[in-house]
Amino acid sequence: MSLAPIVSPAARPQALSPAGSATTIILAIAAFVIVTTEFLMVGLLPALARDLSLSVATTGQLVTLFAVVVMLFGPPLTAWLGMSSASACS
């Protein structure tokens, strides 16, 4: 009598297909670019504040406000536009 656990084929880990690893690489690059642009803005904050004739704190709050608006409206807008472009193509 064997005491080895019975594992269903669906529970076994699958090897990544080439398409799956390409998708993961593209997602990692996109995340890197997005985070880099956010940190770039922090480095340019004093120059941006000087050009807008605002304090650095106020300019930082404006950048934060922009990030919050993108965070809140980016995903729903992307989903909505994805549905509308799919229906326009059909």
N, C-alpha and C. Protein backbone atom coordinates (compact mmCIF):
# COMPACT_ATOMS: atom_id res chain seq x y z
N MET A 1 0.83 -1.17 0.00
CA MET A 1 0.00 0.00 0.00
C MET A 1 0.88 1.24 0.00
N SER A 2 0.61 2.16 -0.91
CA SER A 2 1.42 3.36 -1.05
C SER A 2 0.81 4.50 -0.24
N LEU A 3 1.68 5.28 0.37
CA LEU A 3 1.22 6.44 1.15
C LEU A 3 1.42 7.75 0.39
N ALA A 4 1.78 7.66 -0.89
CA ALA A 4 1.98 8.87 -1.68
C ALA A 4 0.63 9.56 -1.93
N PRO A 5 0.58 10.88 -1.83
CA PRO A 5 -0.68 11.59 -2.05
C PRO A 5 -1.10 11.50 -3.52
N ILE A 6 -2.37 11.48 -3.74
CA ILE A 6 -2.91 11.46 -5.09
C ILE A 6 -3.05 12.91 -5.55
N VAL A 7 -2.39 13.22 -6.66
CA VAL A 7 -2.41 14.58 -7.18
C VAL A 7 -3.08 14.55 -8.55
N SER A 8 -4.09 15.36 -8.69
CA SER A 8 -4.78 15.41 -9.98
C SER A 8 -3.89 16.11 -11.01
N PRO A 9 -4.06 15.81 -12.30
CA PRO A 9 -3.25 16.47 -13.33
C PRO A 9 -3.43 17.98 -13.34
N ALA A 10 -4.60 18.46 -12.95
CA ALA A 10 -4.84 19.91 -12.95
C ALA A 10 -4.04 20.60 -11.85
N ALA A 11 -3.70 19.88 -10.78
CA ALA A 11 -2.98 20.49 -9.66
C ALA A 11 -1.47 20.51 -9.88
N ARG A 12 -1.00 19.80 -10.89
CA ARG A 12 0.44 19.78 -11.14
C ARG A 12 0.89 21.08 -11.78
N PRO A 13 2.05 21.58 -11.40
CA PRO A 13 2.53 22.83 -12.01
C PRO A 13 2.84 22.62 -13.49
N GLN A 14 2.47 23.58 -14.28
CA GLN A 14 2.71 23.53 -15.72
C GLN A 14 3.92 24.40 -16.07
N ALA A 15 4.65 23.99 -17.07
CA ALA A 15 5.77 24.81 -17.55
C ALA A 15 5.19 26.01 -18.30
N LEU A 16 5.86 27.14 -18.20
CA LEU A 16 5.41 28.34 -18.90
C LEU A 16 5.61 28.16 -20.40
N SER A 17 4.61 28.53 -21.14
CA SER A 17 4.75 28.50 -22.58
C SER A 17 5.55 29.72 -23.01
N PRO A 18 6.12 29.73 -24.21
CA PRO A 18 6.86 30.91 -24.67
C PRO A 18 5.99 32.16 -24.68
N ALA A 19 4.71 32.02 -25.00
CA ALA A 19 3.82 33.19 -25.00
C ALA A 19 3.62 33.70 -23.58
N GLY A 20 3.55 32.79 -22.61
CA GLY A 20 3.37 33.21 -21.22
C GLY A 20 4.58 33.93 -20.68
N SER A 21 5.79 33.46 -21.02
CA SER A 21 6.97 34.16 -20.53
C SER A 21 7.17 35.48 -21.25
N ALA A 22 6.77 35.58 -22.52
CA ALA A 22 6.86 36.87 -23.22
C ALA A 22 5.90 37.87 -22.58
N THR A 23 4.72 37.42 -22.21
CA THR A 23 3.76 38.30 -21.55
C THR A 23 4.30 38.78 -20.21
N THR A 24 4.93 37.90 -19.46
CA THR A 24 5.50 38.27 -18.16
C THR A 24 6.62 39.29 -18.35
N ILE A 25 7.45 39.11 -19.35
CA ILE A 25 8.55 40.05 -19.61
C ILE A 25 8.00 41.41 -20.01
N ILE A 26 7.00 41.44 -20.86
CA ILE A 26 6.39 42.71 -21.28
C ILE A 26 5.77 43.41 -20.08
N LEU A 27 5.08 42.66 -19.23
CA LEU A 27 4.47 43.25 -18.03
C LEU A 27 5.53 43.81 -17.09
N ALA A 28 6.64 43.10 -16.92
CA ALA A 28 7.73 43.57 -16.06
C ALA A 28 8.35 44.85 -16.61
N ILE A 29 8.55 44.91 -17.92
CA ILE A 29 9.12 46.12 -18.53
C ILE A 29 8.17 47.29 -18.38
N ALA A 30 6.87 47.05 -18.59
CA ALA A 30 5.88 48.12 -18.43
C ALA A 30 5.85 48.65 -17.01
N ALA A 31 5.90 47.76 -16.03
CA ALA A 31 5.92 48.18 -14.62
C ALA A 31 7.17 48.99 -14.32
N PHE A 32 8.31 48.55 -14.86
CA PHE A 32 9.56 49.28 -14.65
C PHE A 32 9.46 50.70 -15.22
N VAL A 33 8.92 50.83 -16.42
CA VAL A 33 8.81 52.14 -17.07
C VAL A 33 7.87 53.05 -16.28
N ILE A 34 6.75 52.52 -15.84
CA ILE A 34 5.79 53.34 -15.10
C ILE A 34 6.39 53.83 -13.79
N VAL A 35 7.04 52.96 -13.04
CA VAL A 35 7.64 53.35 -11.76
C VAL A 35 8.79 54.33 -11.99
N THR A 36 9.57 54.11 -13.05
CA THR A 36 10.67 55.02 -13.35
C THR A 36 10.16 56.42 -13.65
N THR A 37 9.09 56.53 -14.41
CA THR A 37 8.56 57.87 -14.72
C THR A 37 8.04 58.56 -13.47
N GLU A 38 7.49 57.80 -12.52
CA GLU A 38 7.04 58.42 -11.28
C GLU A 38 8.22 58.94 -10.45
N PHE A 39 9.30 58.17 -10.38
CA PHE A 39 10.46 58.62 -9.64
C PHE A 39 11.19 59.76 -10.37
N LEU A 40 11.11 59.78 -11.67
CA LEU A 40 11.72 60.87 -12.44
C LEU A 40 11.05 62.19 -12.10
N MET A 41 9.74 62.16 -11.93
CA MET A 41 9.00 63.37 -11.59
C MET A 41 9.45 63.92 -10.24
N VAL A 42 9.74 63.06 -9.30
CA VAL A 42 10.20 63.51 -7.98
C VAL A 42 11.53 64.23 -8.11
N GLY A 43 12.40 63.75 -8.97
CA GLY A 43 13.69 64.40 -9.18
C GLY A 43 13.56 65.76 -9.85
N LEU A 44 12.54 65.92 -10.67
CA LEU A 44 12.33 67.19 -11.37
C LEU A 44 11.43 68.15 -10.62
N LEU A 45 11.00 67.78 -9.43
CA LEU A 45 10.04 68.59 -8.68
C LEU A 45 10.52 70.01 -8.41
N PRO A 46 11.75 70.24 -7.96
CA PRO A 46 12.17 71.63 -7.73
C PRO A 46 12.16 72.49 -9.00
N ALA A 47 12.60 71.92 -10.11
CA ALA A 47 12.59 72.67 -11.37
C ALA A 47 11.17 72.95 -11.83
N LEU A 48 10.29 71.97 -11.67
CA LEU A 48 8.89 72.16 -12.04
C LEU A 48 8.23 73.22 -11.17
N ALA A 49 8.53 73.21 -9.88
CA ALA A 49 7.99 74.22 -8.97
C ALA A 49 8.47 75.61 -9.35
N ARG A 50 9.74 75.70 -9.70
CA ARG A 50 10.29 77.00 -10.10
C ARG A 50 9.63 77.50 -11.39
N ASP A 51 9.42 76.61 -12.37
CA ASP A 51 8.79 77.01 -13.63
C ASP A 51 7.34 77.41 -13.45
N LEU A 52 6.64 76.78 -12.51
CA LEU A 52 5.23 77.10 -12.27
C LEU A 52 5.05 78.21 -11.24
N SER A 53 6.15 78.70 -10.69
CA SER A 53 6.13 79.74 -9.65
C SER A 53 5.29 79.30 -8.45
N LEU A 54 5.48 78.04 -8.06
CA LEU A 54 4.79 77.49 -6.90
C LEU A 54 5.83 76.95 -5.93
N SER A 55 5.40 76.67 -4.71
CA SER A 55 6.31 76.04 -3.76
C SER A 55 6.50 74.57 -4.14
N VAL A 56 7.58 73.99 -3.65
CA VAL A 56 7.84 72.58 -3.94
C VAL A 56 6.75 71.71 -3.32
N ALA A 57 6.26 72.09 -2.14
CA ALA A 57 5.21 71.31 -1.48
C ALA A 57 3.91 71.32 -2.30
N THR A 58 3.53 72.49 -2.82
CA THR A 58 2.32 72.59 -3.62
C THR A 58 2.46 71.80 -4.92
N THR A 59 3.62 71.89 -5.54
CA THR A 59 3.86 71.14 -6.76
C THR A 59 3.83 69.64 -6.49
N GLY A 60 4.37 69.22 -5.36
CA GLY A 60 4.32 67.81 -4.98
C GLY A 60 2.89 67.34 -4.77
N GLN A 61 2.05 68.20 -4.19
CA GLN A 61 0.65 67.84 -4.01
C GLN A 61 -0.07 67.73 -5.35
N LEU A 62 0.28 68.59 -6.31
CA LEU A 62 -0.31 68.49 -7.64
C LEU A 62 0.09 67.18 -8.33
N VAL A 63 1.35 66.78 -8.18
CA VAL A 63 1.81 65.52 -8.75
C VAL A 63 1.09 64.35 -8.08
N THR A 64 0.90 64.43 -6.77
CA THR A 64 0.18 63.39 -6.05
C THR A 64 -1.28 63.33 -6.50
N LEU A 65 -1.90 64.49 -6.69
CA LEU A 65 -3.27 64.54 -7.18
C LEU A 65 -3.38 63.88 -8.54
N PHE A 66 -2.43 64.15 -9.43
CA PHE A 66 -2.41 63.53 -10.75
C PHE A 66 -2.32 62.00 -10.61
N ALA A 67 -1.44 61.52 -9.74
CA ALA A 67 -1.27 60.07 -9.56
C ALA A 67 -2.55 59.43 -9.02
N VAL A 68 -3.23 60.10 -8.10
CA VAL A 68 -4.47 59.56 -7.54
C VAL A 68 -5.56 59.50 -8.61
N VAL A 69 -5.66 60.53 -9.44
CA VAL A 69 -6.66 60.53 -10.51
C VAL A 69 -6.37 59.40 -11.49
N VAL A 70 -5.12 59.20 -11.85
CA VAL A 70 -4.76 58.10 -12.75
C VAL A 70 -5.08 56.76 -12.11
N MET A 71 -4.81 56.63 -10.81
CA MET A 71 -5.08 55.38 -10.11
C MET A 71 -6.59 55.08 -10.08
N LEU A 72 -7.41 56.10 -9.86
CA LEU A 72 -8.84 55.89 -9.74
C LEU A 72 -9.53 55.67 -11.09
N PHE A 73 -9.14 56.46 -12.09
CA PHE A 73 -9.87 56.44 -13.35
C PHE A 73 -9.19 55.63 -14.45
N GLY A 74 -7.94 55.26 -14.27
CA GLY A 74 -7.23 54.50 -15.30
C GLY A 74 -7.84 53.14 -15.59
N PRO A 75 -8.00 52.28 -14.59
CA PRO A 75 -8.58 50.95 -14.86
C PRO A 75 -10.00 50.98 -15.42
N PRO A 76 -10.95 51.77 -14.83
CA PRO A 76 -12.29 51.77 -15.42
C PRO A 76 -12.31 52.34 -16.84
N LEU A 77 -11.51 53.37 -17.09
CA LEU A 77 -11.46 53.95 -18.43
C LEU A 77 -10.87 52.97 -19.43
N THR A 78 -9.85 52.23 -19.02
CA THR A 78 -9.26 51.22 -19.89
C THR A 78 -10.27 50.13 -20.22
N ALA A 79 -11.01 49.66 -19.23
CA ALA A 79 -12.02 48.63 -19.46
C ALA A 79 -13.13 49.15 -20.37
N TRP A 80 -13.57 50.37 -20.13
CA TRP A 80 -14.64 50.95 -20.94
C TRP A 80 -14.20 51.13 -22.40
N LEU A 81 -13.00 51.65 -22.59
CA LEU A 81 -12.50 51.82 -23.95
C LEU A 81 -12.23 50.48 -24.62
N GLY A 82 -11.83 49.49 -23.86
CA GLY A 82 -11.62 48.15 -24.42
C GLY A 82 -12.91 47.56 -24.92
N MET A 83 -14.00 47.77 -24.20
CA MET A 83 -15.30 47.27 -24.64
C MET A 83 -15.82 48.04 -25.84
N SER A 84 -15.62 49.35 -25.84
CA SER A 84 -16.14 50.15 -26.95
C SER A 84 -15.36 49.89 -28.24
N SER A 85 -14.05 49.69 -28.15
CA SER A 85 -13.29 49.41 -29.36
C SER A 85 -13.57 48.01 -29.88
N ALA A 86 -13.88 47.07 -28.99
CA ALA A 86 -14.22 45.72 -29.42
C ALA A 86 -15.56 45.70 -30.14
N SER A 87 -16.50 46.49 -29.66
CA SER A 87 -17.81 46.53 -30.31
C SER A 87 -17.73 47.32 -31.61
N ALA A 88 -16.82 48.28 -31.73
CA ALA A 88 -16.67 49.04 -32.97
C ALA A 88 -16.03 48.20 -34.06
N CYS A 89 -15.18 47.23 -33.67
CA CYS A 89 -14.51 46.37 -34.65
C CYS A 89 -15.43 45.29 -35.18
N SER A 90 -16.48 44.94 -34.46
CA SER A 90 -17.34 43.83 -34.88
C SER A 90 -18.35 44.27 -35.90
